[in-house]
Every structure is written in structure tokens, then in C-alpha cells.
Amino acid sequence: MSVLSPVLLQLLRQSWLARNLLVFVLWLLVWDIGWLVEYTHHASVWFPVAGLTFAAFLIMGLSALPALLAGCIFITFYTAEHYNIVLSTPALLYAAVAFAFAHMMPYAFGALLLRAIAQHGRRDITTVIVAFLVIAASCSLLATVLILPTLVVTDMMAQADVAKTWLPFWIGDMAGVLVIAPFFIGLFSAIMPGALFRLTDMSGWQQRGVSWSLAAKLLITWLLLALSMLLAAWTDSPNSAFAIFFLVIPHMWIACTESPLWNAVAVALSSFFIAFWVHLLGLMDFVMVYQFAICVIGANTLFGLAIPTLLADNLRLRRVAFTDSLTQVASRDRLEQRAALEVIRCQQEQTPLVLMVFDIDHFKKINDEFGHHVGDQALQQMCRVVQQNLRPTDTLGRFGGDEFVVLLPQTNSAAAALIAERVLQELTQVRIADVASLTASFGIASWHPDEDYDSLFRRADQALYQAKMAGRNRVAIAQF
């Protein structure tokens, strides 16, 4: 196998005929699997061929058409023999072409639409998942609307059977697309050259290998699946059949902790096991429950895949909202939130709190003479020096322009003044472009009981003004 696999992969990547032959063989194989769990004419527990057709069009585009057309023609003749339908060869050929159009057209259109959304949209996995779910439901419904009348017109199905067949037909097709298409999308995009759609192009994709933890999760999932279906068979109750929906829990667990590829494999296998157990245990009376369960589990798993991406986006937005983009210190909103909380804590615990306000001396002159890029460097260097002298519990934030605020809990004015003096001393060693020296002025205020943040800030800001008036490059402490 280690020698054969590279040879086959190379053949698939070089030969259009080999790729179509693979799709044709897989299409017939998957059709037979769906036939194994058929519970009425033209209706299976789930119809995996729909998922394969969608995936082939998505990855290969119209180049998959010959394989899919050949599969539709072959299976039409086979179906006629299977159901003992007596038609002439020209009539069967007409029925085959009509079925091929009705089956392929909705999924070709859906694949084209999903590819367009993925390529021209935000290219994130969340958008693609939502689009895929909507397209899967719509395309399978359109396929049902087209295929059933086609079967009636071509004498492959009785008109009287349409009313009782259309809903299980639609849900079976939709289940096939939801749980089988992701598996074949991952497979085809990995082995097909020039794939028109690749999951790895989507932001939020995470690739992981097989692990013992994944094996344990799958074992738990399939054990729960078997127990729930054995319960339904033992009690012969439709209420017990609904226990299959508990599979949502382990599959969500897998969705949040494993890669999309292994989730596709897990859901595809679970759907097969459900269909197999329905057939094995004779649970045909509850088949609609299991069809909807496959759809819900598949959709829920796909939504679960979006959770890590959504969490990452939320963290990024939180970081943007709470961090000043230039200096990477706390934003004004974040600073004021922390200050309000610290004041409340001080009121409750009667602990000290110091607010220190500072800015760069003659900052406007630096901007005017050397340019704003030098001014930006001055702000960054200033924050770096201050941050080096703070504790993890202290908060440095940008109030606006070149004015910054430091929250110093569990600190008195004298200790805060020592920090400010140390910063002033270290600033003498900072060199930025042609700026001769970088200096700053500090205003310090200690919190007093029953004082709110606004009052504390005003006193610290007034102390900063006093430091400016006294000649700059110094520290002033506010009096209450």
C-alpha cells in the first residue's frame, strides 16, 4: 500500500480519465450503500449519492460531469431491473438522461454558489458553514421537486407514490448532503489537482492528526448510538427512538476539539451506523426520526466547527476594543472600566489607590519639528519605560493624545512618586531620531474615601498641570 498509494495519487493528479473513473466507481458504491438501507421504493434512510455529487461538482466543477452522467445512466438501467420495471431501451435511456439532469442540476448550481461565496466573501469557515447548510436544504428540495415528476413521467414511479415519498426523499437527500458531502469535499480537495475549493483556504481551519482522545470520543459516540437504537428496538416505542438525538452532545464535543476533517469522518460514519442499525433492527416505523436526527447531528456539528473561530474573533475584537493600537497599552474605555472597579474595591476593603497622570513634555513641538512618525516612536518608548517599572497588578492606559494614566492599587503617593522619578531617570537614556532628550511630567493623586474616579482623575490632572507650571520634567503630588 505504501508503494501503491503514491502511484495512484500521481495517476489521479495527472489523468482526467482516472479522476472521473474514481468518481464513477465511488458513485456506484455509495449508491449501493444507500440501497442497503432503502425502506420504500426510491427512498432511503439517507441518500449519500447526493453528498458525493455535490462534493464532486464543488471540487472538480463541470469536469465531474462525465462520471456523474455515466453513473446516472448505469443506475437507471440497474434500478429498472431491481424494481422489475419493463421499459424499452430507448425509454430507459430517455429516463436515465432525464434523471441525470434532475439529479445533477440542483447540486451543480448549489456547488457553484457555495464556491462563489467562499471565493468572493470573507473566506472564513463560519460563513461557508452557514451558506452550506442553507444550500444543502435548498438543493435537496429542488432535486426532490425535479426527480419525482421525472420518475413519474418516465414510468419509473407511480403517480400515487409521490405524496408519501416526497418528504422522506427530500430529508434523505438533505441528510446525504449534510453528512456525506463534507467527507468527500475533504477527500477530493486533498487528492485532486487544481481543486476549485479547498477547506484549508478557509480561515479558522485547524488540521490535527489522529489521537487517542479522538478514538475515545468516537468510541463513546458509537456506543451511545448503539445503546439508543437497541433501546428503541427493545421498547418498540417512537419515544425511545428520539434518544438518538443525544448523539448531538458527543458530536459537539468532537466538533469543538477536533479538526473539520475528522469531524466530517465522524459524522459520515455515524450516519452510516444509524442507517445500518435501522435496517438491521427493523426500525423502519421510526425512520423519519432517524432521518431528521442525521440532519440535526450533521448541522449541529457544522455549527460546532464555527465555535473556535467565533471565540477567536471575539478575543480579537476584545483586544482591539481594550488595547490602544499604537502603544499596546489599555484603551481609554478599558482604563475607565478598571478604574471604576478599583474604586469600588477600595471602598469595600478600605485599601489605598493612587492615580498617576503623565504626558510627554513639548510633544507638539516634537511632532511639528520631526514629524508624526517620530512622535509615535516617542509615545511608544515612553510607554515601554513606564511599563517596565510597573507591577502586574498596575494598569497603564492611554487617556488621549500624549496623556496617559496609571492605576496603582495598594500603593501610596510616596511609592508612586518613586516610580515616576525612576521613569524620569530612565528617560534620559532614551534616544529617538534627532530629538535631543525625552522628558515627561507626572501628576499623582491618592484616593480618599467616598471619592469617585472622576474626582480622583481631576485632582491628578491638576497635579500634572502644577508640574508643567513648575518647569516640566518633574513630579507633583495633589493635595486633597
Protein backbone atom coordinates (compact mmCIF):
# COMPACT_ATOMS: atom_id res chain seq x y z
CA MET A 1 0.00 0.00 0.00
CA SER A 2 2.88 2.36 0.79
CA VAL A 3 4.13 1.84 -2.79
CA LEU A 4 0.71 1.78 -4.46
CA SER A 5 -0.73 4.90 -2.82
CA PRO A 6 1.80 7.38 -4.27
CA VAL A 7 1.35 5.77 -7.69
CA LEU A 8 -2.44 6.12 -7.52
CA LEU A 9 -2.21 9.68 -6.26
CA GLN A 10 0.16 10.58 -9.07
CA LEU A 11 -2.19 8.97 -11.59
CA LEU A 12 -5.18 10.89 -10.22
CA ARG A 13 -3.28 14.15 -10.38
CA GLN A 14 -2.17 13.61 -13.96
CA SER A 15 -5.13 11.84 -15.57
CA TRP A 16 -8.57 13.41 -16.07
CA LEU A 17 -9.86 9.95 -17.02
CA ALA A 18 -8.57 8.42 -13.78
CA ARG A 19 -10.29 11.10 -11.70
CA ASN A 20 -13.60 10.55 -13.48
CA LEU A 21 -13.24 6.79 -13.14
CA LEU A 22 -12.70 7.20 -9.39
CA VAL A 23 -15.80 9.39 -9.06
CA PHE A 24 -17.83 6.92 -11.15
CA VAL A 25 -16.79 3.92 -9.02
CA LEU A 26 -17.37 5.80 -5.76
CA TRP A 27 -20.76 7.00 -7.02
CA LEU A 28 -21.93 3.43 -7.74
CA LEU A 29 -20.51 2.15 -4.46
CA VAL A 30 -22.20 4.88 -2.43
CA TRP A 31 -25.47 4.29 -4.30
CA ASP A 32 -25.34 0.62 -3.31
CA ILE A 33 -24.76 1.59 0.33
CA GLY A 34 -27.84 3.82 0.20
CA TRP A 35 -29.80 0.99 -1.38
CA LEU A 36 -28.93 -1.31 1.51
CA VAL A 37 -30.95 0.90 3.86
CA GLU A 38 -33.84 1.65 1.49
CA TYR A 39 -37.16 1.41 3.32
CA THR A 40 -39.50 2.14 0.43
CA HIS A 41 -39.13 2.48 -3.33
CA HIS A 42 -36.83 5.42 -4.19
CA ALA A 43 -36.44 6.43 -0.51
CA SER A 44 -33.52 5.53 1.73
CA VAL A 45 -32.75 6.39 5.36
CA TRP A 46 -30.18 8.73 3.88
CA PHE A 47 -29.02 9.20 0.31
CA PRO A 48 -25.21 9.52 0.30
CA VAL A 49 -25.04 9.85 -3.51
CA ALA A 50 -26.44 13.38 -3.18
CA GLY A 51 -23.48 14.32 -0.98
CA LEU A 52 -20.95 12.81 -3.38
CA THR A 53 -22.49 14.60 -6.37
CA PHE A 54 -22.39 17.94 -4.53
CA ALA A 55 -18.77 17.39 -3.47
CA ALA A 56 -17.66 16.36 -6.97
CA PHE A 57 -19.15 19.49 -8.56
CA LEU A 58 -17.71 21.68 -5.79
CA ILE A 59 -14.16 20.37 -6.14
CA MET A 60 -13.98 19.40 -9.83
CA GLY A 61 -16.56 21.69 -11.39
CA LEU A 62 -18.08 20.57 -14.69
CA SER A 63 -15.15 18.20 -15.29
CA ALA A 64 -17.01 15.76 -13.00
CA LEU A 65 -19.99 15.73 -15.38
CA PRO A 66 -18.97 12.64 -17.45
CA ALA A 67 -18.54 10.44 -14.37
CA LEU A 68 -21.80 11.58 -12.79
CA LEU A 69 -23.74 11.27 -16.06
CA ALA A 70 -22.40 7.76 -16.59
CA GLY A 71 -23.37 6.86 -13.04
CA CYS A 72 -26.93 8.15 -13.51
CA ILE A 73 -27.36 6.22 -16.78
CA PHE A 74 -25.92 3.00 -15.36
CA ILE A 75 -28.01 3.15 -12.20
CA THR A 76 -31.23 3.88 -14.11
CA PHE A 77 -30.91 0.63 -16.04
CA TYR A 78 -29.99 -1.17 -12.83
CA THR A 79 -32.97 0.34 -10.99
CA ALA A 80 -35.38 -0.79 -13.69
CA GLU A 81 -34.14 -4.34 -13.27
CA HIS A 82 -34.18 -4.08 -9.47
CA TYR A 83 -37.81 -2.91 -9.36
CA ASN A 84 -38.89 -5.11 -12.30
CA ILE A 85 -39.82 -2.09 -14.41
CA VAL A 86 -40.35 -3.14 -18.02
CA LEU A 87 -39.33 -0.40 -20.45
CA SER A 88 -37.67 -0.40 -23.86
CA THR A 89 -34.02 0.52 -24.13
CA PRO A 90 -34.75 3.93 -25.74
CA ALA A 91 -37.30 4.64 -22.99
CA LEU A 92 -34.77 3.70 -20.31
CA LEU A 93 -32.12 5.84 -21.95
CA TYR A 94 -34.54 8.77 -22.01
CA ALA A 95 -35.39 8.14 -18.35
CA ALA A 96 -31.67 7.98 -17.49
CA VAL A 97 -30.87 11.31 -19.15
CA ALA A 98 -33.91 12.95 -17.57
CA PHE A 99 -32.93 11.61 -14.14
CA ALA A 100 -29.33 12.75 -14.64
CA PHE A 101 -30.47 16.30 -15.36
CA ALA A 102 -32.91 16.36 -12.44
CA HIS A 103 -30.31 14.95 -10.04
CA MET A 104 -27.21 16.86 -11.16
CA MET A 105 -28.55 20.31 -11.97
CA PRO A 106 -29.54 21.35 -8.39
CA TYR A 107 -26.25 20.17 -6.88
CA ALA A 108 -24.14 21.69 -9.66
CA PHE A 109 -25.86 25.03 -9.11
CA GLY A 110 -25.50 24.73 -5.31
CA ALA A 111 -21.81 23.87 -5.58
CA LEU A 112 -21.22 26.84 -7.89
CA LEU A 113 -22.99 29.14 -5.45
CA LEU A 114 -21.05 27.88 -2.42
CA ARG A 115 -17.76 28.21 -4.27
CA ALA A 116 -18.61 31.79 -5.23
CA ILE A 117 -19.46 32.65 -1.63
CA ALA A 118 -16.22 31.10 -0.38
CA GLN A 119 -14.02 32.75 -3.01
CA HIS A 120 -15.51 36.23 -3.04
CA GLY A 121 -16.67 36.54 0.57
CA ARG A 122 -14.73 36.71 3.83
CA ARG A 123 -13.33 33.19 3.24
CA ASP A 124 -13.93 32.20 6.84
CA ILE A 125 -15.28 28.83 7.84
CA THR A 126 -18.28 30.33 9.67
CA THR A 127 -19.65 31.98 6.54
CA VAL A 128 -19.05 28.85 4.47
CA ILE A 129 -20.80 26.62 7.03
CA VAL A 130 -23.94 28.77 7.18
CA ALA A 131 -24.04 29.02 3.39
CA PHE A 132 -23.54 25.27 3.03
CA LEU A 133 -26.43 24.45 5.39
CA VAL A 134 -28.84 26.72 3.52
CA ILE A 135 -27.67 25.48 0.12
CA ALA A 136 -27.87 21.81 1.19
CA ALA A 137 -31.50 22.16 2.26
CA SER A 138 -32.44 24.16 -0.84
CA CYS A 139 -30.66 21.96 -3.38
CA SER A 140 -32.03 18.73 -1.95
CA LEU A 141 -35.55 20.17 -2.04
CA LEU A 142 -35.08 21.29 -5.64
CA ALA A 143 -33.72 17.84 -6.54
CA THR A 144 -36.83 16.27 -4.98
CA VAL A 145 -39.12 18.60 -6.91
CA LEU A 146 -37.37 17.71 -10.18
CA ILE A 147 -36.68 14.00 -9.70
CA LEU A 148 -40.08 12.73 -8.54
CA PRO A 149 -42.03 14.15 -11.52
CA THR A 150 -39.26 12.87 -13.78
CA LEU A 151 -39.66 9.37 -12.38
CA VAL A 152 -43.42 9.57 -12.89
CA VAL A 153 -43.19 10.90 -16.46
CA THR A 154 -40.67 8.21 -17.43
CA ASP A 155 -42.82 5.45 -15.86
CA MET A 156 -40.18 4.69 -13.22
CA MET A 157 -42.59 5.57 -10.41
CA ALA A 158 -46.37 5.57 -9.90
CA GLN A 159 -48.11 8.93 -9.52
CA ALA A 160 -49.83 7.68 -6.37
CA ASP A 161 -46.48 7.14 -4.64
CA VAL A 162 -45.37 10.78 -4.90
CA ALA A 163 -47.45 12.06 -1.97
CA LYS A 164 -45.99 9.56 0.50
CA THR A 165 -42.46 9.68 -0.91
CA TRP A 166 -41.56 13.35 -1.34
CA LEU A 167 -40.79 14.18 2.34
CA PRO A 168 -38.59 11.14 3.13
CA PHE A 169 -36.98 11.59 -0.30
CA TRP A 170 -36.11 15.22 0.47
CA ILE A 171 -34.90 14.55 4.03
CA GLY A 172 -32.87 11.57 2.83
CA ASP A 173 -31.17 13.68 0.15
CA MET A 174 -30.57 16.54 2.59
CA ALA A 175 -29.10 14.15 5.16
CA GLY A 176 -26.81 12.75 2.48
CA VAL A 177 -25.53 16.20 1.54
CA LEU A 178 -25.09 17.39 5.14
CA VAL A 179 -23.13 14.40 6.42
CA ILE A 180 -21.50 12.88 3.32
CA ALA A 181 -20.55 15.93 1.24
CA PRO A 182 -18.05 17.29 3.86
CA PHE A 183 -16.25 13.93 3.89
CA PHE A 184 -15.88 13.81 0.10
CA ILE A 185 -15.01 17.51 -0.05
CA GLY A 186 -12.07 16.80 2.25
CA LEU A 187 -11.09 13.69 0.26
CA PHE A 188 -11.34 15.23 -3.21
CA SER A 189 -9.66 18.51 -2.27
CA ALA A 190 -6.70 16.52 -0.93
CA ILE A 191 -6.16 14.29 -3.98
CA MET A 192 -7.47 16.34 -6.91
CA PRO A 193 -5.07 18.75 -8.66
CA GLY A 194 -6.34 22.26 -9.19
CA ALA A 195 -9.26 21.75 -6.80
CA LEU A 196 -11.71 24.63 -7.20
CA PHE A 197 -12.45 24.66 -3.47
CA ARG A 198 -10.21 23.76 -0.54
CA LEU A 199 -11.20 23.76 3.11
CA THR A 200 -7.64 24.68 4.03
CA ASP A 201 -8.16 28.04 2.29
CA MET A 202 -10.77 28.97 4.87
CA SER A 203 -9.63 30.96 7.90
CA GLY A 204 -10.48 29.05 11.05
CA TRP A 205 -9.43 25.68 9.58
CA GLN A 206 -7.38 23.65 12.03
CA GLN A 207 -5.56 20.49 10.98
CA ARG A 208 -4.94 17.77 13.56
CA GLY A 209 -3.92 14.15 13.30
CA VAL A 210 -5.49 11.08 14.85
CA SER A 211 -5.08 10.85 18.62
CA TRP A 212 -6.12 8.51 21.39
CA SER A 213 -8.51 11.18 22.65
CA LEU A 214 -10.26 11.23 19.26
CA ALA A 215 -10.53 7.44 19.29
CA ALA A 216 -12.05 7.58 22.78
CA LYS A 217 -14.59 10.21 21.71
CA LEU A 218 -15.61 8.15 18.69
CA LEU A 219 -15.95 5.01 20.82
CA ILE A 220 -18.20 6.83 23.30
CA THR A 221 -20.26 8.30 20.45
CA TRP A 222 -20.86 4.98 18.72
CA LEU A 223 -21.53 3.15 21.99
CA LEU A 224 -24.21 5.73 22.78
CA LEU A 225 -25.58 5.32 19.25
CA ALA A 226 -25.87 1.54 19.61
CA LEU A 227 -27.47 1.76 23.06
CA SER A 228 -30.07 4.31 21.95
CA MET A 229 -31.10 2.25 18.93
CA LEU A 230 -31.19 -1.01 20.89
CA LEU A 231 -33.46 0.76 23.37
CA ALA A 232 -35.81 1.79 20.55
CA ALA A 233 -35.88 -1.78 19.22
CA TRP A 234 -36.46 -3.27 22.68
CA THR A 235 -39.29 -0.92 23.68
CA ASP A 236 -40.71 -0.61 20.15
CA SER A 237 -41.67 2.95 21.07
CA PRO A 238 -41.30 6.10 18.96
CA ASN A 239 -40.48 7.99 22.16
CA SER A 240 -37.42 5.79 22.68
CA ALA A 241 -36.31 6.43 19.10
CA PHE A 242 -35.78 10.10 19.98
CA ALA A 243 -32.90 9.03 22.26
CA ILE A 244 -30.74 9.14 19.12
CA PHE A 245 -30.68 12.93 19.44
CA PHE A 246 -28.37 12.55 22.45
CA LEU A 247 -25.63 11.98 19.85
CA VAL A 248 -25.61 15.75 19.42
CA ILE A 249 -23.62 16.01 22.67
CA PRO A 250 -20.58 13.84 21.81
CA HIS A 251 -20.52 15.15 18.25
CA MET A 252 -20.46 18.73 19.55
CA TRP A 253 -17.61 17.65 21.83
CA ILE A 254 -15.71 16.37 18.80
CA ALA A 255 -16.59 19.49 16.80
CA CYS A 256 -15.10 21.80 19.42
CA THR A 257 -11.91 19.81 19.94
CA GLU A 258 -11.01 18.15 16.64
CA SER A 259 -10.28 19.30 13.09
CA PRO A 260 -13.02 19.71 10.45
CA LEU A 261 -11.61 16.74 8.53
CA TRP A 262 -12.06 14.30 11.42
CA ASN A 263 -15.46 15.76 12.20
CA ALA A 264 -16.50 15.01 8.62
CA VAL A 265 -15.29 11.43 9.01
CA ALA A 266 -17.03 11.03 12.38
CA VAL A 267 -20.39 12.35 11.18
CA ALA A 268 -20.27 10.33 7.96
CA LEU A 269 -19.58 7.12 9.88
CA SER A 270 -22.25 7.88 12.49
CA SER A 271 -24.82 8.45 9.75
CA PHE A 272 -23.87 5.12 8.17
CA PHE A 273 -24.16 3.32 11.50
CA ILE A 274 -27.59 4.87 12.13
CA ALA A 275 -28.82 3.78 8.70
CA PHE A 276 -27.30 0.32 9.17
CA TRP A 277 -28.89 -0.19 12.61
CA VAL A 278 -32.27 0.98 11.29
CA HIS A 279 -32.06 -1.73 8.63
CA LEU A 280 -30.60 -4.38 10.97
CA LEU A 281 -33.07 -3.86 13.84
CA GLY A 282 -36.10 -3.30 11.62
CA LEU A 283 -36.77 0.22 12.89
CA MET A 284 -38.48 1.32 9.67
CA ASP A 285 -41.52 2.62 11.59
CA PHE A 286 -39.27 5.25 13.17
CA VAL A 287 -37.25 6.03 10.05
CA MET A 288 -38.29 9.69 9.86
CA VAL A 289 -36.97 10.22 13.38
CA TYR A 290 -33.59 8.87 12.35
CA GLN A 291 -33.56 10.86 9.11
CA PHE A 292 -34.13 14.10 10.98
CA ALA A 293 -31.59 13.02 13.61
CA ILE A 294 -28.91 12.61 10.95
CA CYS A 295 -29.70 16.10 9.62
CA VAL A 296 -29.68 17.68 13.08
CA ILE A 297 -26.44 15.96 14.11
CA GLY A 298 -24.77 16.99 10.85
CA ALA A 299 -25.93 20.62 11.06
CA ASN A 300 -25.10 20.86 14.76
CA THR A 301 -21.61 19.51 14.15
CA LEU A 302 -21.01 22.03 11.38
CA PHE A 303 -22.12 24.87 13.66
CA GLY A 304 -19.82 23.45 16.34
CA LEU A 305 -16.88 23.78 13.95
CA ALA A 306 -17.51 27.51 13.86
CA ILE A 307 -17.21 27.92 17.65
CA PRO A 308 -13.37 28.11 17.82
CA THR A 309 -13.40 30.68 15.02
CA LEU A 310 -16.10 32.74 16.71
CA LEU A 311 -14.21 32.63 20.01
CA ALA A 312 -11.02 33.75 18.27
CA ASP A 313 -12.90 36.59 16.56
CA ASN A 314 -14.40 37.68 19.88
CA LEU A 315 -10.98 37.67 21.53
CA ARG A 316 -9.56 39.70 18.66
CA LEU A 317 -12.39 42.24 18.87
CA ARG A 318 -11.99 42.41 22.63
CA ARG A 319 -8.28 43.02 22.19
CA VAL A 320 -8.96 45.77 19.65
CA ALA A 321 -11.55 47.43 21.90
CA PHE A 322 -9.43 47.25 25.06
CA THR A 323 -5.97 47.97 23.62
CA ASP A 324 -4.53 51.14 22.15
CA SER A 325 -3.27 50.18 18.68
CA LEU A 326 -0.18 52.42 18.73
CA THR A 327 1.23 51.87 22.21
CA GLN A 328 -0.40 48.49 23.05
CA VAL A 329 -1.44 49.77 26.48
CA ALA A 330 -5.04 49.78 27.73
CA SER A 331 -7.53 51.88 25.78
CA ARG A 332 -9.46 54.67 27.48
CA ASP A 333 -12.59 52.51 27.76
CA ARG A 334 -10.63 49.66 29.33
CA LEU A 335 -8.83 52.07 31.64
CA GLU A 336 -12.05 53.64 32.91
CA GLN A 337 -13.63 50.21 33.45
CA ARG A 338 -10.66 49.09 35.53
CA ALA A 339 -10.62 52.38 37.44
CA ALA A 340 -14.31 52.10 38.34
CA LEU A 341 -13.77 48.55 39.62
CA GLU A 342 -10.70 49.56 41.62
CA VAL A 343 -12.58 52.44 43.27
CA ILE A 344 -15.41 50.09 44.26
CA ARG A 345 -12.90 47.61 45.68
CA CYS A 346 -11.16 50.36 47.66
CA GLN A 347 -14.49 51.49 49.08
CA GLN A 348 -15.31 47.95 50.18
CA GLU A 349 -11.90 46.98 51.53
CA GLN A 350 -10.60 50.44 52.53
CA THR A 351 -7.31 49.87 50.71
CA PRO A 352 -5.11 52.59 49.14
CA LEU A 353 -5.19 53.52 45.46
CA VAL A 354 -3.08 56.02 43.53
CA LEU A 355 -3.84 57.54 40.13
CA MET A 356 -0.88 58.85 38.16
CA VAL A 357 -1.36 61.06 35.08
CA PHE A 358 1.55 61.95 32.81
CA ASP A 359 2.38 63.25 29.35
CA ILE A 360 5.46 63.97 27.26
CA ASP A 361 6.88 67.47 27.58
CA HIS A 362 6.71 69.60 24.41
CA PHE A 363 5.11 66.75 22.49
CA LYS A 364 3.53 69.10 19.92
CA LYS A 365 6.96 70.54 19.18
CA ILE A 366 8.34 67.03 18.56
CA ASN A 367 5.53 66.34 16.09
CA ASP A 368 5.95 69.68 14.32
CA GLU A 369 9.75 69.55 14.01
CA PHE A 370 10.40 65.84 13.41
CA GLY A 371 7.11 64.50 12.08
CA HIS A 372 4.32 62.39 13.48
CA HIS A 373 6.23 59.14 12.96
CA VAL A 374 8.85 60.38 15.44
CA GLY A 375 6.07 61.46 17.79
CA ASP A 376 4.63 57.95 17.58
CA GLN A 377 8.02 56.49 18.47
CA ALA A 378 8.24 58.83 21.44
CA LEU A 379 4.86 57.63 22.74
CA GLN A 380 5.86 54.00 22.29
CA GLN A 381 9.20 54.44 24.06
CA MET A 382 7.55 56.37 26.88
CA CYS A 383 5.04 53.57 27.46
CA ARG A 384 7.77 50.95 27.30
CA VAL A 385 9.79 52.68 30.04
CA VAL A 386 6.75 53.20 32.26
CA GLN A 387 5.53 49.62 31.80
CA GLN A 388 8.93 48.26 32.85
CA ASN A 389 8.53 49.97 36.21
CA LEU A 390 5.02 48.72 36.97
CA ARG A 391 3.72 45.61 38.69
CA PRO A 392 1.38 43.08 37.03
CA THR A 393 -1.47 44.47 39.15
CA ASP A 394 -0.95 48.03 37.86
CA THR A 395 -2.73 49.33 34.76
CA LEU A 396 -1.25 51.70 32.19
CA GLY A 397 -3.71 53.23 29.73
CA ARG A 398 -3.84 55.94 27.11
CA PHE A 399 -6.33 58.66 28.02
CA GLY A 400 -5.92 60.59 24.78
CA GLY A 401 -3.21 62.20 22.63
CA ASP A 402 0.02 62.08 24.63
CA GLU A 403 -1.72 61.87 28.02
CA PHE A 404 -1.58 58.58 29.90
CA VAL A 405 -2.98 57.27 33.18
CA VAL A 406 -1.59 54.66 35.57
CA LEU A 407 -3.71 52.89 38.19
CA LEU A 408 -1.64 51.80 41.19
CA PRO A 409 -3.68 49.73 43.68
CA GLN A 410 -2.27 49.00 47.13
CA THR A 411 0.12 51.96 46.73
CA ASN A 412 0.56 55.34 48.45
CA SER A 413 1.67 58.67 46.98
CA ALA A 414 5.28 58.35 48.13
CA ALA A 415 5.73 54.96 46.42
CA ALA A 416 4.08 56.28 43.25
CA ALA A 417 6.41 59.29 43.27
CA LEU A 418 9.43 56.97 43.44
CA ILE A 419 8.15 55.10 40.37
CA ALA A 420 7.70 58.38 38.49
CA GLU A 421 11.19 59.59 39.44
CA ARG A 422 12.66 56.29 38.27
CA VAL A 423 10.88 56.68 34.93
CA LEU A 424 12.22 60.22 34.53
CA GLN A 425 15.73 58.96 35.20
CA GLU A 426 15.45 56.15 32.62
CA LEU A 427 14.03 58.54 30.03
CA THR A 428 17.37 60.35 29.95
CA GLN A 429 18.83 57.24 28.29
CA VAL A 430 16.18 57.10 25.54
CA ARG A 431 17.20 58.37 22.10
CA ILE A 432 14.68 58.88 19.30
CA ALA A 433 15.81 60.20 15.89
CA ASP A 434 17.15 63.75 16.31
CA VAL A 435 15.21 64.52 19.49
CA ALA A 436 17.75 65.86 21.99
CA SER A 437 16.01 64.43 25.04
CA LEU A 438 12.68 62.98 26.07
CA THR A 439 11.13 64.26 29.28
CA ALA A 440 7.73 63.97 30.92
CA SER A 441 5.65 65.47 33.71
CA PHE A 442 3.68 63.49 36.29
CA GLY A 443 0.69 64.30 38.46
CA ILE A 444 -0.18 61.98 41.37
CA ALA A 445 -3.35 61.75 43.47
CA SER A 446 -4.27 59.32 46.25
CA TRP A 447 -7.83 58.08 46.57
CA HIS A 448 -9.84 59.28 49.55
CA PRO A 449 -12.93 57.57 50.97
CA ASP A 450 -16.21 58.47 49.23
CA GLU A 451 -14.28 59.85 46.23
CA ASP A 452 -15.27 58.64 42.76
CA TYR A 453 -12.98 58.11 39.78
CA ASP A 454 -13.82 61.44 38.10
CA SER A 455 -12.85 63.38 41.20
CA LEU A 456 -9.64 61.37 41.60
CA PHE A 457 -8.71 61.97 37.96
CA ARG A 458 -9.36 65.71 38.20
CA ARG A 459 -7.00 66.02 41.17
CA ALA A 460 -4.27 64.01 39.42
CA ASP A 461 -4.71 66.08 36.26
CA GLN A 462 -4.47 69.28 38.30
CA ALA A 463 -1.23 67.99 39.83
CA LEU A 464 0.09 67.36 36.30
CA TYR A 465 -0.74 70.96 35.43
CA GLN A 466 1.20 72.11 38.50
CA ALA A 467 4.22 70.06 37.39
CA LYS A 468 4.05 71.77 33.99
CA MET A 469 3.84 75.21 35.55
CA ALA A 470 6.80 74.43 37.79
CA GLY A 471 9.07 73.81 34.80
CA ARG A 472 8.18 70.31 33.50
CA ASN A 473 10.26 67.12 33.80
CA ARG A 474 9.09 66.64 37.37
CA VAL A 475 6.51 65.01 39.66
CA ALA A 476 3.73 66.82 41.53
CA ILE A 477 1.50 65.29 44.22
CA ALA A 478 -2.06 66.53 44.62
CA GLN A 479 -3.38 67.62 47.97
CA PHE A 480 -6.93 66.68 49.00
